[in-house]
Protein backbone atom coordinates (compact mmCIF):
# COMPACT_ATOMS: atom_id res chain seq x y z
CA MET A 1 -21.61 -53.74 53.71
CA SER A 2 -20.97 -51.98 50.40
CA PHE A 3 -23.51 -51.93 47.58
CA GLY A 4 -20.86 -53.04 45.10
CA SER A 5 -19.99 -56.17 47.07
CA LEU A 6 -23.56 -57.37 46.50
CA VAL A 7 -24.06 -56.45 42.86
CA PHE A 8 -20.59 -56.50 41.26
CA THR A 9 -20.46 -60.15 40.22
CA PRO A 10 -17.39 -61.55 38.41
CA LEU A 11 -19.06 -61.02 35.04
CA VAL A 12 -20.06 -57.46 35.96
CA LYS A 13 -16.44 -56.74 36.94
CA LYS A 14 -15.20 -58.09 33.61
CA LEU A 15 -17.59 -55.76 31.80
CA GLN A 16 -16.39 -52.83 33.90
CA GLU A 17 -12.81 -53.69 32.98
CA ARG A 18 -13.71 -53.93 29.31
CA TYR A 19 -15.41 -50.54 29.26
CA GLY A 20 -12.97 -48.70 31.51
CA SER A 21 -14.93 -48.18 34.74
CA ARG A 22 -13.50 -50.98 36.91
CA ARG A 23 -10.86 -48.85 38.65
CA GLN A 24 -13.46 -46.31 39.75
CA TYR A 25 -15.85 -48.94 41.10
CA ALA A 26 -13.08 -50.98 42.70
CA ARG A 27 -12.19 -47.93 44.81
CA MET A 28 -15.81 -47.58 45.84
CA GLU A 29 -16.10 -51.30 46.61
CA ASN A 30 -12.88 -51.38 48.65
CA SER A 31 -13.25 -48.05 50.42
CA GLY A 32 -14.55 -49.74 53.55
CA ALA A 33 -17.37 -47.19 53.82
CA SER A 34 -20.54 -48.78 55.17
CA GLN A 35 -23.59 -48.48 52.94
CA ASP A 36 -26.05 -50.30 55.17
CA ARG A 37 -26.77 -47.53 57.69
CA PHE A 38 -28.79 -44.46 56.78
CA THR A 39 -27.49 -41.05 57.67
CA PRO A 40 -30.00 -38.31 58.59
CA PHE A 41 -29.87 -37.26 54.92
CA GLU A 42 -31.16 -40.63 53.65
CA SER A 43 -33.72 -40.81 56.44
CA GLN A 44 -35.14 -37.41 55.49
CA PHE A 45 -35.15 -38.33 51.80
CA LEU A 46 -37.05 -41.56 52.49
CA ALA A 47 -39.57 -39.87 54.79
CA GLU A 48 -40.53 -37.47 51.98
CA ARG A 49 -41.26 -40.12 49.37
CA ASP A 50 -44.82 -40.82 48.21
CA GLY A 51 -43.89 -43.89 46.17
CA PHE A 52 -41.20 -46.31 45.14
CA TYR A 53 -40.57 -49.33 42.90
CA TRP A 54 -39.42 -52.66 44.21
CA ALA A 55 -38.39 -55.90 42.52
CA THR A 56 -38.77 -59.44 43.81
CA ILE A 57 -37.91 -62.85 42.32
CA GLY A 58 -40.40 -65.67 41.87
CA THR A 59 -39.72 -69.42 41.90
CA ALA A 60 -39.84 -69.39 38.09
CA GLY A 61 -36.80 -67.09 38.13
CA TRP A 62 -38.58 -64.06 36.69
CA PRO A 63 -38.15 -60.67 38.39
CA TYR A 64 -41.36 -58.84 39.21
CA VAL A 65 -41.39 -55.05 39.56
CA GLN A 66 -44.19 -53.33 41.45
CA TYR A 67 -44.98 -49.72 42.27
CA ARG A 68 -46.03 -48.93 45.84
CA GLY A 69 -47.49 -45.53 46.59
CA GLY A 70 -49.20 -43.58 49.34
CA PRO A 71 -49.15 -40.25 51.16
CA LYS A 72 -45.77 -38.82 52.03
CA GLY A 73 -44.42 -40.69 55.02
CA PHE A 74 -46.19 -43.99 54.37
CA LEU A 75 -42.76 -45.60 54.08
CA LYS A 76 -41.54 -45.51 57.66
CA VAL A 77 -37.88 -45.17 58.63
CA ILE A 78 -37.82 -47.36 61.75
CA ASP A 79 -34.11 -46.91 62.41
CA ASP A 80 -30.92 -46.40 60.42
CA HIS A 81 -31.15 -49.79 58.68
CA THR A 82 -34.87 -50.70 58.81
CA LEU A 83 -37.90 -49.59 56.78
CA ALA A 84 -41.52 -50.65 57.08
CA PHE A 85 -44.89 -49.96 55.48
CA ALA A 86 -48.46 -51.20 55.65
CA ASP A 87 -49.92 -53.42 52.93
CA PHE A 88 -53.60 -52.87 52.16
CA ARG A 89 -55.99 -55.04 50.22
CA GLY A 90 -55.44 -54.49 46.49
CA ASN A 91 -56.08 -56.58 43.39
CA LYS A 92 -55.45 -59.80 45.33
CA GLN A 93 -52.72 -61.09 43.03
CA TYR A 94 -50.19 -61.34 45.90
CA ILE A 95 -47.25 -61.73 43.50
CA SER A 96 -44.74 -59.70 45.50
CA THR A 97 -45.89 -61.29 48.76
CA GLY A 98 -45.61 -64.80 47.33
CA ASN A 99 -42.19 -64.08 45.89
CA LEU A 100 -40.93 -62.74 49.21
CA LEU A 101 -42.14 -65.81 51.06
CA THR A 102 -39.80 -67.93 48.92
CA ASP A 103 -36.94 -65.44 48.46
CA ASN A 104 -36.92 -62.52 50.90
CA ARG A 105 -34.48 -60.39 48.92
CA VAL A 106 -35.77 -57.15 47.44
CA ALA A 107 -34.35 -54.31 45.34
CA MET A 108 -35.93 -50.88 45.73
CA ILE A 109 -35.54 -47.55 43.98
CA MET A 110 -36.87 -44.17 45.09
CA VAL A 111 -36.79 -41.14 42.78
CA ASP A 112 -37.07 -37.46 43.64
CA TYR A 113 -37.94 -36.11 40.20
CA PRO A 114 -37.80 -32.35 40.93
CA ARG A 115 -34.31 -32.66 42.46
CA GLN A 116 -33.22 -35.39 40.00
CA ALA A 117 -32.07 -37.75 42.77
CA ARG A 118 -32.54 -41.49 43.15
CA LEU A 119 -31.69 -43.91 45.91
CA LYS A 120 -31.29 -47.66 45.39
CA ILE A 121 -31.73 -50.08 48.29
CA LEU A 122 -31.08 -53.81 48.65
CA GLY A 123 -32.66 -55.57 51.58
CA ARG A 124 -34.38 -58.58 53.06
CA VAL A 125 -38.06 -58.51 53.93
CA GLU A 126 -40.00 -59.87 56.86
CA ILE A 127 -43.78 -60.18 56.47
CA PHE A 128 -46.02 -59.84 59.52
CA GLU A 129 -49.70 -60.83 59.41
CA GLY A 130 -52.46 -61.38 61.96
CA ASP A 131 -51.42 -61.35 65.59
CA LYS A 132 -47.76 -61.00 64.62
CA ALA A 133 -48.52 -57.68 62.94
CA GLU A 134 -50.27 -56.14 65.96
CA SER A 135 -47.18 -54.50 67.42
CA TRP A 136 -46.30 -53.02 64.02
CA LEU A 137 -49.69 -51.49 63.18
CA PRO A 138 -49.28 -48.29 65.25
CA ARG A 139 -45.86 -47.74 63.71
CA VAL A 140 -46.95 -47.94 60.07
CA ARG A 141 -50.52 -46.63 60.06
CA MET A 142 -51.08 -43.16 58.63
CA PRO A 143 -53.45 -41.03 60.75
CA GLU A 144 -55.91 -40.41 57.90
CA GLU A 145 -55.95 -44.03 56.67
CA LYS A 146 -58.97 -46.13 57.67
CA THR A 147 -58.47 -49.14 55.37
CA VAL A 148 -57.75 -52.47 57.01
CA ILE A 149 -54.06 -53.38 56.94
CA GLU A 150 -53.56 -56.95 55.67
CA ARG A 151 -49.88 -57.22 56.51
CA VAL A 152 -46.77 -55.25 57.31
CA PHE A 153 -43.59 -55.39 55.27
CA VAL A 154 -40.39 -54.78 57.23
CA ILE A 155 -37.24 -54.25 55.15
CA HIS A 156 -33.85 -54.88 56.72
CA VAL A 157 -31.37 -52.92 54.63
CA GLU A 158 -28.28 -54.74 53.38
CA ALA A 159 -26.87 -51.86 51.33
CA TYR A 160 -27.87 -48.68 49.50
CA ASP A 161 -26.40 -46.45 46.83
CA TRP A 162 -27.15 -43.04 45.38
CA ASN A 163 -27.57 -43.38 41.64
CA CYS A 164 -26.35 -40.98 38.98
CA PRO A 165 -28.93 -38.19 38.41
CA GLN A 166 -28.26 -38.15 34.67
CA HIS A 167 -31.33 -38.65 32.45
CA ILE A 168 -33.87 -38.13 35.26
CA THR A 169 -36.54 -35.91 33.72
CA PRO A 170 -37.82 -33.39 36.30
CA ARG A 171 -41.50 -33.96 37.06
CA TYR A 172 -43.70 -32.26 39.61
CA THR A 173 -46.79 -33.30 41.53
CA ALA A 174 -49.82 -31.02 41.78
CA GLU A 175 -48.80 -30.24 45.37
CA GLU A 176 -45.26 -29.30 44.32
CA ILE A 177 -46.59 -27.07 41.55
CA ARG A 178 -48.92 -25.33 44.00
CA GLU A 179 -46.02 -24.76 46.40
CA GLY A 180 -43.87 -23.40 43.58
CA MET A 181 -46.64 -21.06 42.44
CA GLN A 182 -47.25 -19.55 45.87
CA ALA A 183 -44.69 -16.79 45.36
CA VAL A 184 -46.14 -15.98 41.92
CA GLU A 185 -49.68 -15.92 43.32
CA LYS A 186 -48.64 -13.57 46.13
CA ARG A 187 -46.99 -11.25 43.62
CA MET A 188 -50.11 -11.31 41.41
CA GLN A 189 -52.30 -10.44 44.41
CA ALA A 190 -49.99 -7.55 45.29
CA LEU A 191 -50.14 -6.26 41.69
CA GLU A 192 -53.93 -6.53 41.66
CA GLN A 193 -54.11 -4.48 44.85
CA GLU A 194 -51.73 -1.89 43.36
CA ASN A 195 -53.85 -1.72 40.17
CA LYS A 196 -57.02 -1.33 42.22
CA ALA A 197 -55.47 1.53 44.19
CA LEU A 198 -54.28 3.21 40.98
CA ARG A 199 -57.72 2.91 39.37
CA LYS A 200 -59.29 4.49 42.44
CA GLU A 201 -56.82 7.39 42.29
CA LEU A 202 -57.57 7.90 38.58
CA GLU A 203 -61.31 7.89 39.24
CA GLN A 204 -60.86 10.49 41.95
CA PHE A 205 -58.62 12.59 39.66
CA HIS A 206 -61.19 12.61 36.81
CA ALA A 207 -63.99 13.38 39.24
CA SER A 208 -62.26 16.46 40.63
């Protein structure tokens, strides 16, 4: 299924026609290319994420956007059209969970800020709790995590789309900065060693 077939409503198409982008998106929508199965590229991208935003709809009609975060790999790629992650006890509002129990559709967005890339996903969510979650727990638990898992969210992907990288401001985590500084630190250490050797040679020269 294509992403456009789910989000390009008649009114959206009229706006695209008005502003000159309909031909481009019509080609994308009618290309026949499936956008509901991850390639190895998407799977790798998803496995490296440490957070994402997702939006659900409540019975009052209001969308609710929530950030979900964790160590890299907490969002599990189960197969080429299924994602899953563990839900731990939080502030006990249960807004996203309640929304999904009445409307299981979800919109997700993942952003790689250093590479200025973002992936949008539309899917339907199954919620597993209690005994029904038992078979999922080994698949979603992170080795270092000891907190009790309340439930497991399983997302069945309907479609995805890579979004334009324009206007994504590059940002870096402390870990990414440390990785980027490793080469500089190695060079600084080498220079310090060179300086130490030169100072020793100068001391020996003046002493002779």
